[in-house]
Amino acid sequence: MKKKVLLMGKSGSGKTSMRSIIFSNYIARDTRRLGATIDVESSSVKFLGNLTLNLWDCGGQEAFMEHYFASQRGHIFKSVELLIYVFDVESRDSEKDIHYYQWCLEAILEKSPNAKIFCLLHKMDLVPLDQRDQLFSHWKNELQRLSLPLETVVFPTSIWDETLYAAWSKIVHCLIPNINTLQMHLDKFCEICEADEVVLFERTTILVIANAARVQHPDIHRFEKISSIIKQFNPSGREPSHFKSMEIRSATFSAFIDALTTNTYVMVVLSDSSIQSAATLHNISVARKHFKLLEIDRP
């Protein structure tokens, strides 16, 4: 299955940096050496084995943006599954940003009316902490109003913290065809393990696919923080195939991260000290065959 994903926004907004971090295992500080995208860079990214993201990173220089809408409208905007539009929160020309975004929406309505729309308000780390919520709320309301009759989901992001993983996890989540079935089986696995929480990660990107919980946790960004930590084990830009498993213990919990299938990692979190490591690892081992069958049965 191929899913066409458009990544758009003005030049310098951070599109290529975030793409490189998510799909090529760059770390934030190394994105400084990336050059500007010229015209359109198209790449095919394998996700969960049989799902291919056909990612179109569209250069945001003014000449290219005008060209997309004038003579490449059909080529660029046809058969789009997702439009991800990136806004630089520090842009000095927000009116032009909005203008180009609305042009994108008009082209999407004409060529791919069923596409899902996401807006990323990027470089939020540059905004003083006490102003972020208010600024984001203002942008979110304005972008959702301007997007009508289409619906858009807006995320605050930065390459320097877990918000980037949080946004992209939710974006790719909507592309997984059997996600409801997967969620149901993950809930059951969580019960069998008597775990506080079970989290499923895609193996190459370490993005969160699904999670099941029996205990509420106050940190809403804990999964994305874990994604970022695991990525540090493989800063070379290749698939983290050498990462096998990890066990973390403290006075209050135990966490086990292990390969579940060829395309996923699973994390099992326990606070019950009476549950032995061997029992949890056995449950993961038994679950492997079951979750492999779910991948095979995916439409």
C-alpha atoms as a PDB file:
ATOM      1  CA  MET A   1       0.000   0.000   0.000  1.00  0.00           C
ATOM      2  CA  LYS A   2       1.319   3.418  -0.981  1.00  0.00           C
ATOM      3  CA  LYS A   3       0.141   6.594   0.732  1.00  0.00           C
ATOM      4  CA  LYS A   4       1.071   9.962  -0.756  1.00  0.00           C
ATOM      5  CA  VAL A   5       2.073  12.491   1.900  1.00  0.00           C
ATOM      6  CA  LEU A   6       2.712  16.158   1.048  1.00  0.00           C
ATOM      7  CA  LEU A   7       5.058  18.078   3.345  1.00  0.00           C
ATOM      8  CA  MET A   8       4.679  21.777   2.600  1.00  0.00           C
ATOM      9  CA  GLY A   9       5.486  25.190   4.071  1.00  0.00           C
ATOM     10  CA  LYS A  10       7.686  28.199   3.404  1.00  0.00           C
ATOM     11  CA  SER A  11      11.429  27.802   3.010  1.00  0.00           C
ATOM     12  CA  GLY A  12      13.181  27.628   6.371  1.00  0.00           C
ATOM     13  CA  SER A  13      10.123  26.452   8.288  1.00  0.00           C
ATOM     14  CA  GLY A  14      11.883  23.209   9.283  1.00  0.00           C
ATOM     15  CA  LYS A  15      10.260  20.592   7.008  1.00  0.00           C
ATOM     16  CA  THR A  16      13.432  18.792   5.958  1.00  0.00           C
ATOM     17  CA  SER A  17      14.852  18.815   9.484  1.00  0.00           C
ATOM     18  CA  MET A  18      11.819  17.097  10.957  1.00  0.00           C
ATOM     19  CA  ARG A  19      11.662  14.608   8.099  1.00  0.00           C
ATOM     20  CA  SER A  20      15.337  13.740   8.642  1.00  0.00           C
ATOM     21  CA  ILE A  21      14.861  13.247  12.395  1.00  0.00           C
ATOM     22  CA  ILE A  22      11.779  11.042  12.048  1.00  0.00           C
ATOM     23  CA  PHE A  23      12.733   8.949   9.020  1.00  0.00           C
ATOM     24  CA  SER A  24      16.545   9.108   8.813  1.00  0.00           C
ATOM     25  CA  ASN A  25      17.506   9.009  12.501  1.00  0.00           C
ATOM     26  CA  TYR A  26      19.181  12.405  12.533  1.00  0.00           C
ATOM     27  CA  ILE A  27      19.595  14.071  15.907  1.00  0.00           C
ATOM     28  CA  ALA A  28      18.490  17.676  16.220  1.00  0.00           C
ATOM     29  CA  ARG A  29      21.902  19.326  16.249  1.00  0.00           C
ATOM     30  CA  ASP A  30      22.955  17.539  13.033  1.00  0.00           C
ATOM     31  CA  THR A  31      20.082  19.019  11.007  1.00  0.00           C
ATOM     32  CA  ARG A  32      22.018  22.302  10.816  1.00  0.00           C
ATOM     33  CA  ARG A  33      24.078  20.912   7.969  1.00  0.00           C
ATOM     34  CA  LEU A  34      21.020  20.164   5.819  1.00  0.00           C
ATOM     35  CA  GLY A  35      20.565  22.401   2.800  1.00  0.00           C
ATOM     36  CA  ALA A  36      17.362  23.910   1.484  1.00  0.00           C
ATOM     37  CA  THR A  37      15.051  21.626  -0.484  1.00  0.00           C
ATOM     38  CA  ILE A  38      15.085  22.417  -4.200  1.00  0.00           C
ATOM     39  CA  ASP A  39      11.751  21.905  -5.946  1.00  0.00           C
ATOM     40  CA  VAL A  40      10.302  18.551  -4.762  1.00  0.00           C
ATOM     41  CA  GLU A  41      12.233  15.744  -3.069  1.00  0.00           C
ATOM     42  CA  SER A  42      10.249  12.521  -3.239  1.00  0.00           C
ATOM     43  CA  SER A  43      11.146   9.506  -1.102  1.00  0.00           C
ATOM     44  CA  SER A  44       9.485   6.184  -0.300  1.00  0.00           C
ATOM     45  CA  VAL A  45       9.540   5.257   3.372  1.00  0.00           C
ATOM     46  CA  LYS A  46       8.619   1.760   4.537  1.00  0.00           C
ATOM     47  CA  PHE A  47       6.356   1.773   7.559  1.00  0.00           C
ATOM     48  CA  LEU A  48       5.132  -1.331   9.385  1.00  0.00           C
ATOM     49  CA  GLY A  49       6.428  -3.575   6.623  1.00  0.00           C
ATOM     50  CA  ASN A  50       3.746  -3.390   3.948  1.00  0.00           C
ATOM     51  CA  LEU A  51       2.816   0.293   4.183  1.00  0.00           C
ATOM     52  CA  THR A  52       4.835   2.744   2.068  1.00  0.00           C
ATOM     53  CA  LEU A  53       4.731   6.462   2.710  1.00  0.00           C
ATOM     54  CA  ASN A  54       5.388   8.264  -0.566  1.00  0.00           C
ATOM     55  CA  LEU A  55       6.710  11.434   1.049  1.00  0.00           C
ATOM     56  CA  TRP A  56       6.909  14.594  -1.081  1.00  0.00           C
ATOM     57  CA  ASP A  57       9.025  17.285   0.600  1.00  0.00           C
ATOM     58  CA  CYS A  58       8.147  20.427  -1.353  1.00  0.00           C
ATOM     59  CA  GLY A  59      10.663  23.286  -1.377  1.00  0.00           C
ATOM     60  CA  GLY A  60       9.138  26.432   0.074  1.00  0.00           C
ATOM     61  CA  GLN A  61      10.960  29.153  -1.853  1.00  0.00           C
ATOM     62  CA  GLU A  62       8.509  31.631  -3.330  1.00  0.00           C
ATOM     63  CA  ALA A  63       9.282  30.705  -6.953  1.00  0.00           C
ATOM     64  CA  PHE A  64       8.608  27.021  -6.272  1.00  0.00           C
ATOM     65  CA  MET A  65       5.389  27.684  -4.360  1.00  0.00           C
ATOM     66  CA  GLU A  66       4.021  29.766  -7.228  1.00  0.00           C
ATOM     67  CA  HIS A  67       5.035  27.014  -9.661  1.00  0.00           C
ATOM     68  CA  TYR A  68       3.204  24.285  -7.702  1.00  0.00           C
ATOM     69  CA  PHE A  69      -0.117  26.094  -7.966  1.00  0.00           C
ATOM     70  CA  ALA A  70       0.298  27.485 -11.490  1.00  0.00           C
ATOM     71  CA  SER A  71       1.594  24.596 -13.610  1.00  0.00           C
ATOM     72  CA  GLN A  72       2.035  21.551 -11.343  1.00  0.00           C
ATOM     73  CA  ARG A  73      -1.317  21.610  -9.578  1.00  0.00           C
ATOM     74  CA  GLY A  74      -2.509  18.254 -10.904  1.00  0.00           C
ATOM     75  CA  HIS A  75       0.869  16.565 -10.445  1.00  0.00           C
ATOM     76  CA  ILE A  76       1.462  17.768  -6.877  1.00  0.00           C
ATOM     77  CA  PHE A  77      -2.017  17.635  -5.364  1.00  0.00           C
ATOM     78  CA  LYS A  78      -3.549  14.571  -7.029  1.00  0.00           C
ATOM     79  CA  SER A  79      -4.149  11.388  -4.956  1.00  0.00           C
ATOM     80  CA  VAL A  80      -2.897  12.923  -1.705  1.00  0.00           C
ATOM     81  CA  GLU A  81      -3.601  10.984   1.480  1.00  0.00           C
ATOM     82  CA  LEU A  82      -2.145  13.540   3.908  1.00  0.00           C
ATOM     83  CA  LEU A  83      -1.186  17.200   3.695  1.00  0.00           C
ATOM     84  CA  ILE A  84       1.208  18.317   6.437  1.00  0.00           C
ATOM     85  CA  TYR A  85       1.699  22.087   6.346  1.00  0.00           C
ATOM     86  CA  VAL A  86       4.490  23.532   8.500  1.00  0.00           C
ATOM     87  CA  PHE A  87       4.308  27.079   9.872  1.00  0.00           C
ATOM     88  CA  ASP A  88       7.403  28.765  11.321  1.00  0.00           C
ATOM     89  CA  VAL A  89       6.187  30.364  14.549  1.00  0.00           C
ATOM     90  CA  GLU A  90       8.877  33.052  14.160  1.00  0.00           C
ATOM     91  CA  SER A  91       7.992  33.928  10.557  1.00  0.00           C
ATOM     92  CA  ARG A  92       8.023  37.635   9.764  1.00  0.00           C
ATOM     93  CA  ASP A  93       5.510  37.223   6.960  1.00  0.00           C
ATOM     94  CA  SER A  94       2.672  35.202   8.449  1.00  0.00           C
ATOM     95  CA  GLU A  95       0.190  36.704   5.976  1.00  0.00           C
ATOM     96  CA  LYS A  96       2.041  35.125   3.053  1.00  0.00           C
ATOM     97  CA  ASP A  97       2.258  31.845   5.004  1.00  0.00           C
ATOM     98  CA  ILE A  98      -1.525  31.872   5.398  1.00  0.00           C
ATOM     99  CA  HIS A  99      -1.953  32.832   1.750  1.00  0.00           C
ATOM    100  CA  TYR A 100       0.062  29.813   0.534  1.00  0.00           C
ATOM    101  CA  TYR A 101      -1.714  27.522   2.982  1.00  0.00           C
ATOM    102  CA  GLN A 102      -5.109  28.547   1.637  1.00  0.00           C
ATOM    103  CA  TRP A 103      -3.877  27.946  -1.898  1.00  0.00           C
ATOM    104  CA  CYS A 104      -2.916  24.429  -0.807  1.00  0.00           C
ATOM    105  CA  LEU A 105      -6.381  23.877   0.623  1.00  0.00           C
ATOM    106  CA  GLU A 106      -8.026  25.013  -2.612  1.00  0.00           C
ATOM    107  CA  ALA A 107      -5.857  22.593  -4.612  1.00  0.00           C
ATOM    108  CA  ILE A 108      -6.578  19.762  -2.159  1.00  0.00           C
ATOM    109  CA  LEU A 109     -10.321  20.395  -2.367  1.00  0.00           C
ATOM    110  CA  GLU A 110     -10.100  20.157  -6.140  1.00  0.00           C
ATOM    111  CA  LYS A 111      -7.694  17.221  -6.553  1.00  0.00           C
ATOM    112  CA  SER A 112      -7.849  15.200  -3.294  1.00  0.00           C
ATOM    113  CA  PRO A 113     -10.982  16.206  -1.338  1.00  0.00           C
ATOM    114  CA  ASN A 114     -10.685  13.235   1.053  1.00  0.00           C
ATOM    115  CA  ALA A 115      -7.141  14.040   2.165  1.00  0.00           C
ATOM    116  CA  LYS A 116      -6.490  14.564   5.868  1.00  0.00           C
ATOM    117  CA  ILE A 117      -4.986  17.925   6.825  1.00  0.00           C
ATOM    118  CA  PHE A 118      -2.442  18.554   9.577  1.00  0.00           C
ATOM    119  CA  CYS A 119      -0.784  21.848  10.506  1.00  0.00           C
ATOM    120  CA  LEU A 120       2.425  21.971  12.544  1.00  0.00           C
ATOM    121  CA  LEU A 121       3.216  25.192  14.384  1.00  0.00           C
ATOM    122  CA  HIS A 122       6.961  24.653  14.394  1.00  0.00           C
ATOM    123  CA  LYS A 123       9.967  25.993  16.349  1.00  0.00           C
ATOM    124  CA  MET A 124       7.881  26.463  19.482  1.00  0.00           C
ATOM    125  CA  ASP A 125      11.082  26.240  21.540  1.00  0.00           C
ATOM    126  CA  LEU A 126      11.803  29.822  20.414  1.00  0.00           C
ATOM    127  CA  VAL A 127       8.667  31.101  22.182  1.00  0.00           C
ATOM    128  CA  PRO A 128       8.967  31.978  25.905  1.00  0.00           C
ATOM    129  CA  LEU A 129       7.451  29.174  27.955  1.00  0.00           C
ATOM    130  CA  ASP A 130       4.805  31.359  29.583  1.00  0.00           C
ATOM    131  CA  GLN A 131       3.521  32.479  26.164  1.00  0.00           C
ATOM    132  CA  ARG A 132       3.349  29.147  24.339  1.00  0.00           C
ATOM    133  CA  ASP A 133      -0.151  28.019  25.323  1.00  0.00           C
ATOM    134  CA  GLN A 134      -1.741  31.351  24.442  1.00  0.00           C
ATOM    135  CA  LEU A 135       0.095  31.609  21.123  1.00  0.00           C
ATOM    136  CA  PHE A 136      -0.734  28.051  20.143  1.00  0.00           C
ATOM    137  CA  SER A 137      -4.409  28.468  21.057  1.00  0.00           C
ATOM    138  CA  HIS A 138      -4.619  31.604  18.879  1.00  0.00           C
ATOM    139  CA  TRP A 139      -2.989  29.884  15.869  1.00  0.00           C
ATOM    140  CA  LYS A 140      -5.035  26.724  16.285  1.00  0.00           C
ATOM    141  CA  ASN A 141      -8.363  28.573  16.290  1.00  0.00           C
ATOM    142  CA  GLU A 142      -7.333  30.753  13.349  1.00  0.00           C
ATOM    143  CA  LEU A 143      -6.083  27.845  11.204  1.00  0.00           C
ATOM    144  CA  GLN A 144      -9.161  25.741  11.890  1.00  0.00           C
ATOM    145  CA  ARG A 145     -11.368  28.681  10.937  1.00  0.00           C
ATOM    146  CA  LEU A 146      -9.429  29.360   7.724  1.00  0.00           C
ATOM    147  CA  SER A 147      -9.467  25.678   6.759  1.00  0.00           C
ATOM    148  CA  LEU A 148     -13.253  25.355   6.572  1.00  0.00           C
ATOM    149  CA  PRO A 149     -14.986  23.404   5.046  1.00  0.00           C
ATOM    150  CA  LEU A 150     -11.992  21.084   5.532  1.00  0.00           C
ATOM    151  CA  GLU A 151     -11.000  19.944   8.993  1.00  0.00           C
ATOM    152  CA  THR A 152      -7.437  20.377  10.184  1.00  0.00           C
ATOM    153  CA  VAL A 153      -5.585  19.100  13.240  1.00  0.00           C
ATOM    154  CA  VAL A 154      -2.959  21.487  14.637  1.00  0.00           C
ATOM    155  CA  PHE A 155       0.128  20.500  16.680  1.00  0.00           C
ATOM    156  CA  PRO A 156       2.866  22.556  18.376  1.00  0.00           C
ATOM    157  CA  THR A 157       6.284  21.097  17.490  1.00  0.00           C
ATOM    158  CA  SER A 158      10.017  21.512  17.969  1.00  0.00           C
ATOM    159  CA  ILE A 159      12.943  19.343  16.898  1.00  0.00           C
ATOM    160  CA  TRP A 160      14.469  19.897  20.350  1.00  0.00           C
ATOM    161  CA  ASP A 161      11.843  18.072  22.421  1.00  0.00           C
ATOM    162  CA  GLU A 162       9.296  15.259  22.349  1.00  0.00           C
ATOM    163  CA  THR A 163       6.528  17.319  20.691  1.00  0.00           C
ATOM    164  CA  LEU A 164       7.843  16.350  17.238  1.00  0.00           C
ATOM    165  CA  TYR A 165       7.369  12.635  17.965  1.00  0.00           C
ATOM    166  CA  ALA A 166       3.972  13.305  19.551  1.00  0.00           C
ATOM    167  CA  ALA A 167       2.703  15.024  16.399  1.00  0.00           C
ATOM    168  CA  TRP A 168       4.099  12.528  13.897  1.00  0.00           C
ATOM    169  CA  SER A 169       2.860   9.543  15.935  1.00  0.00           C
ATOM    170  CA  LYS A 170      -0.690  10.879  15.720  1.00  0.00           C
ATOM    171  CA  ILE A 171      -0.279  11.686  12.021  1.00  0.00           C
ATOM    172  CA  VAL A 172       0.889   8.222  10.938  1.00  0.00           C
ATOM    173  CA  HIS A 173      -1.647   6.612  13.283  1.00  0.00           C
ATOM    174  CA  CYS A 174      -4.444   7.541  10.885  1.00  0.00           C
ATOM    175  CA  LEU A 175      -2.728   5.652   8.022  1.00  0.00           C
ATOM    176  CA  ILE A 176      -2.698   2.225   9.724  1.00  0.00           C
ATOM    177  CA  PRO A 177      -5.583   0.234   8.185  1.00  0.00           C
ATOM    178  CA  ASN A 178      -6.201  -2.288  10.989  1.00  0.00           C
ATOM    179  CA  ILE A 179      -5.494   0.000  13.922  1.00  0.00           C
ATOM    180  CA  ASN A 180      -8.743  -0.838  15.745  1.00  0.00           C
ATOM    181  CA  THR A 181      -8.009  -4.565  15.632  1.00  0.00           C
ATOM    182  CA  LEU A 182      -4.447  -3.940  16.742  1.00  0.00           C
ATOM    183  CA  GLN A 183      -5.658  -1.793  19.626  1.00  0.00           C
ATOM    184  CA  MET A 184      -8.111  -4.462  20.784  1.00  0.00           C
ATOM    185  CA  HIS A 185      -5.392  -7.125  20.920  1.00  0.00           C
ATOM    186  CA  LEU A 186      -2.971  -4.783  22.658  1.00  0.00           C
ATOM    187  CA  ASP A 187      -5.598  -4.098  25.351  1.00  0.00           C
ATOM    188  CA  LYS A 188      -5.945  -7.850  25.894  1.00  0.00           C
ATOM    189  CA  PHE A 189      -2.171  -8.306  26.056  1.00  0.00           C
ATOM    190  CA  CYS A 190      -1.975  -5.571  28.699  1.00  0.00           C
ATOM    191  CA  GLU A 191      -4.517  -7.433  30.832  1.00  0.00           C
ATOM    192  CA  ILE A 192      -2.742 -10.770  30.449  1.00  0.00           C
ATOM    193  CA  CYS A 193       0.578  -9.228  31.532  1.00  0.00           C
ATOM    194  CA  GLU A 194      -1.129  -7.409  34.428  1.00  0.00           C
ATOM    195  CA  ALA A 195       0.849  -4.417  33.212  1.00  0.00           C
ATOM    196  CA  ASP A 196       0.302  -0.793  34.094  1.00  0.00           C
ATOM    197  CA  GLU A 197       0.861   0.038  30.447  1.00  0.00           C
ATOM    198  CA  VAL A 198       1.882  -1.512  27.130  1.00  0.00           C
ATOM    199  CA  VAL A 199       3.167   0.602  24.230  1.00  0.00           C
ATOM    200  CA  LEU A 200       3.737  -0.465  20.618  1.00  0.00           C
ATOM    201  CA  PHE A 201       6.439   1.320  18.571  1.00  0.00           C
ATOM    202  CA  GLU A 202       7.118   1.142  14.825  1.00  0.00           C
ATOM    203  CA  ARG A 203      10.576  -0.351  14.512  1.00  0.00           C
ATOM    204  CA  THR A 204      12.433   2.015  12.178  1.00  0.00           C
ATOM    205  CA  THR A 205      10.964   5.371  13.218  1.00  0.00           C
ATOM    206  CA  ILE A 206      10.223   4.461  16.876  1.00  0.00           C
ATOM    207  CA  LEU A 207       6.930   6.309  16.507  1.00  0.00           C
ATOM    208  CA  VAL A 208       4.130   5.203  18.846  1.00  0.00           C
ATOM    209  CA  ILE A 209       1.514   3.119  17.029  1.00  0.00           C
ATOM    210  CA  ALA A 210      -0.777   2.248  19.918  1.00  0.00           C
ATOM    211  CA  ASN A 211      -0.853   1.921  23.672  1.00  0.00           C
ATOM    212  CA  ALA A 212      -2.982   0.189  26.281  1.00  0.00           C
ATOM    213  CA  ALA A 213      -3.108   1.233  29.928  1.00  0.00           C
ATOM    214  CA  ARG A 214      -4.696   0.050  33.155  1.00  0.00           C
ATOM    215  CA  VAL A 215      -3.190   2.867  35.239  1.00  0.00           C
ATOM    216  CA  GLN A 216      -3.278   6.562  34.392  1.00  0.00           C
ATOM    217  CA  HIS A 217       0.031   8.392  34.178  1.00  0.00           C
ATOM    218  CA  PRO A 218       0.430  12.158  34.675  1.00  0.00           C
ATOM    219  CA  ASP A 219       3.086  12.672  31.953  1.00  0.00           C
ATOM    220  CA  ILE A 220       1.256  12.840  28.619  1.00  0.00           C
ATOM    221  CA  HIS A 221       4.534  13.008  26.658  1.00  0.00           C
ATOM    222  CA  ARG A 222       6.204   9.949  28.203  1.00  0.00           C
ATOM    223  CA  PHE A 223       5.990   7.813  25.024  1.00  0.00           C
ATOM    224  CA  GLU A 224       7.608  10.434  22.850  1.00  0.00           C
ATOM    225  CA  LYS A 225      10.394  10.935  25.389  1.00  0.00           C
ATOM    226  CA  ILE A 226      11.047   7.197  25.196  1.00  0.00           C
ATOM    227  CA  SER A 227      11.063   7.344  21.379  1.00  0.00           C
ATOM    228  CA  SER A 228      13.714  10.048  21.524  1.00  0.00           C
ATOM    229  CA  ILE A 229      15.838   8.054  24.003  1.00  0.00           C
ATOM    230  CA  ILE A 230      15.721   4.869  21.914  1.00  0.00           C
ATOM    231  CA  LYS A 231      16.702   6.831  18.806  1.00  0.00           C
ATOM    232  CA  GLN A 232      19.929   7.861  20.550  1.00  0.00           C
ATOM    233  CA  PHE A 233      21.087   4.243  20.350  1.00  0.00           C
ATOM    234  CA  ASN A 234      21.382   4.600  16.594  1.00  0.00           C
ATOM    235  CA  PRO A 235      22.606   8.045  15.507  1.00  0.00           C
ATOM    236  CA  SER A 236      24.041   6.679  12.247  1.00  0.00           C
ATOM    237  CA  GLY A 237      20.865   7.120  10.186  1.00  0.00           C
ATOM    238  CA  ARG A 238      20.292   3.404   9.584  1.00  0.00           C
ATOM    239  CA  GLU A 239      17.583   1.076  10.819  1.00  0.00           C
ATOM    240  CA  PRO A 240      18.178   0.394  14.533  1.00  0.00           C
ATOM    241  CA  SER A 241      18.529  -3.341  13.906  1.00  0.00           C
ATOM    242  CA  HIS A 242      21.293  -3.722  16.487  1.00  0.00           C
ATOM    243  CA  PHE A 243      18.950  -2.534  19.233  1.00  0.00           C
ATOM    244  CA  LYS A 244      17.544  -5.759  20.698  1.00  0.00           C
ATOM    245  CA  SER A 245      16.013  -5.075  24.081  1.00  0.00           C
ATOM    246  CA  MET A 246      16.222  -2.963  27.198  1.00  0.00           C
ATOM    247  CA  GLU A 247      15.233  -3.469  30.821  1.00  0.00           C
ATOM    248  CA  ILE A 248      14.827  -0.533  33.209  1.00  0.00           C
ATOM    249  CA  ARG A 249      14.257  -0.923  36.934  1.00  0.00           C
ATOM    250  CA  SER A 250      13.646   1.541  39.730  1.00  0.00           C
ATOM    251  CA  ALA A 251      12.211   1.406  43.225  1.00  0.00           C
ATOM    252  CA  THR A 252       8.684   1.907  41.876  1.00  0.00           C
ATOM    253  CA  PHE A 253       8.504   0.230  38.445  1.00  0.00           C
ATOM    254  CA  SER A 254      10.043  -2.091  35.867  1.00  0.00           C
ATOM    255  CA  ALA A 255       9.968  -1.502  32.106  1.00  0.00           C
ATOM    256  CA  PHE A 256      10.833  -3.996  29.384  1.00  0.00           C
ATOM    257  CA  ILE A 257      11.417  -2.956  25.767  1.00  0.00           C
ATOM    258  CA  ASP A 258      11.796  -5.816  23.296  1.00  0.00           C
ATOM    259  CA  ALA A 259      11.262  -6.671  19.630  1.00  0.00           C
ATOM    260  CA  LEU A 260       7.716  -7.938  19.138  1.00  0.00           C
ATOM    261  CA  THR A 261       7.623  -8.464  15.364  1.00  0.00           C
ATOM    262  CA  THR A 262       9.985  -7.647  12.499  1.00  0.00           C
ATOM    263  CA  ASN A 263       8.278  -4.234  12.301  1.00  0.00           C
ATOM    264  CA  THR A 264       7.543  -3.353  15.932  1.00  0.00           C
ATOM    265  CA  TYR A 265       8.955  -2.989  19.438  1.00  0.00           C
ATOM    266  CA  VAL A 266       6.820  -3.394  22.538  1.00  0.00           C
ATOM    267  CA  MET A 267       7.284  -1.785  25.942  1.00  0.00           C
ATOM    268  CA  VAL A 268       5.688  -3.337  29.024  1.00  0.00           C
ATOM    269  CA  VAL A 269       5.588  -1.239  32.213  1.00  0.00           C
ATOM    270  CA  LEU A 270       4.912  -2.855  35.604  1.00  0.00           C
ATOM    271  CA  SER A 271       4.683  -1.396  39.089  1.00  0.00           C
ATOM    272  CA  ASP A 272       3.770  -4.712  40.747  1.00  0.00           C
ATOM    273  CA  SER A 273       7.078  -6.001  42.118  1.00  0.00           C
ATOM    274  CA  SER A 274       5.631  -9.503  42.612  1.00  0.00           C
ATOM    275  CA  ILE A 275       5.548 -10.058  38.827  1.00  0.00           C
ATOM    276  CA  GLN A 276       8.845 -11.624  37.840  1.00  0.00           C
ATOM    277  CA  SER A 277      10.917 -10.577  34.816  1.00  0.00           C
ATOM    278  CA  ALA A 278      10.813 -14.112  33.442  1.00  0.00           C
ATOM    279  CA  ALA A 279       7.011 -14.073  33.373  1.00  0.00           C
ATOM    280  CA  THR A 280       6.883 -10.797  31.453  1.00  0.00           C
ATOM    281  CA  LEU A 281       9.522 -11.890  28.940  1.00  0.00           C
ATOM    282  CA  HIS A 282       7.641 -15.173  28.473  1.00  0.00           C
ATOM    283  CA  ASN A 283       4.406 -13.269  27.760  1.00  0.00           C
ATOM    284  CA  ILE A 284       6.193 -11.143  25.161  1.00  0.00           C
ATOM    285  CA  SER A 285       7.662 -14.266  23.561  1.00  0.00           C
ATOM    286  CA  VAL A 286       4.248 -15.961  23.352  1.00  0.00           C
ATOM    287  CA  ALA A 287       2.652 -12.784  21.952  1.00  0.00           C
ATOM    288  CA  ARG A 288       5.138 -12.543  19.062  1.00  0.00           C
ATOM    289  CA  LYS A 289       3.455 -15.202  16.947  1.00  0.00           C
ATOM    290  CA  HIS A 290       0.025 -13.702  17.558  1.00  0.00           C
ATOM    291  CA  PHE A 291       1.007 -10.160  16.578  1.00  0.00           C
ATOM    292  CA  LYS A 292       2.906 -11.438  13.528  1.00  0.00           C
ATOM    293  CA  LEU A 293      -0.372 -12.949  12.317  1.00  0.00           C
ATOM    294  CA  LEU A 294      -2.068  -9.563  12.740  1.00  0.00           C
ATOM    295  CA  GLU A 295       0.569  -8.043  10.449  1.00  0.00           C
ATOM    296  CA  ILE A 296       0.041 -10.767   7.833  1.00  0.00           C
ATOM    297  CA  ASP A 297      -3.728 -10.285   7.937  1.00  0.00           C
ATOM    298  CA  ARG A 298      -3.431  -6.505   7.471  1.00  0.00           C
ATOM    299  CA  PRO A 299      -5.343  -5.493   4.304  1.00  0.00           C
END
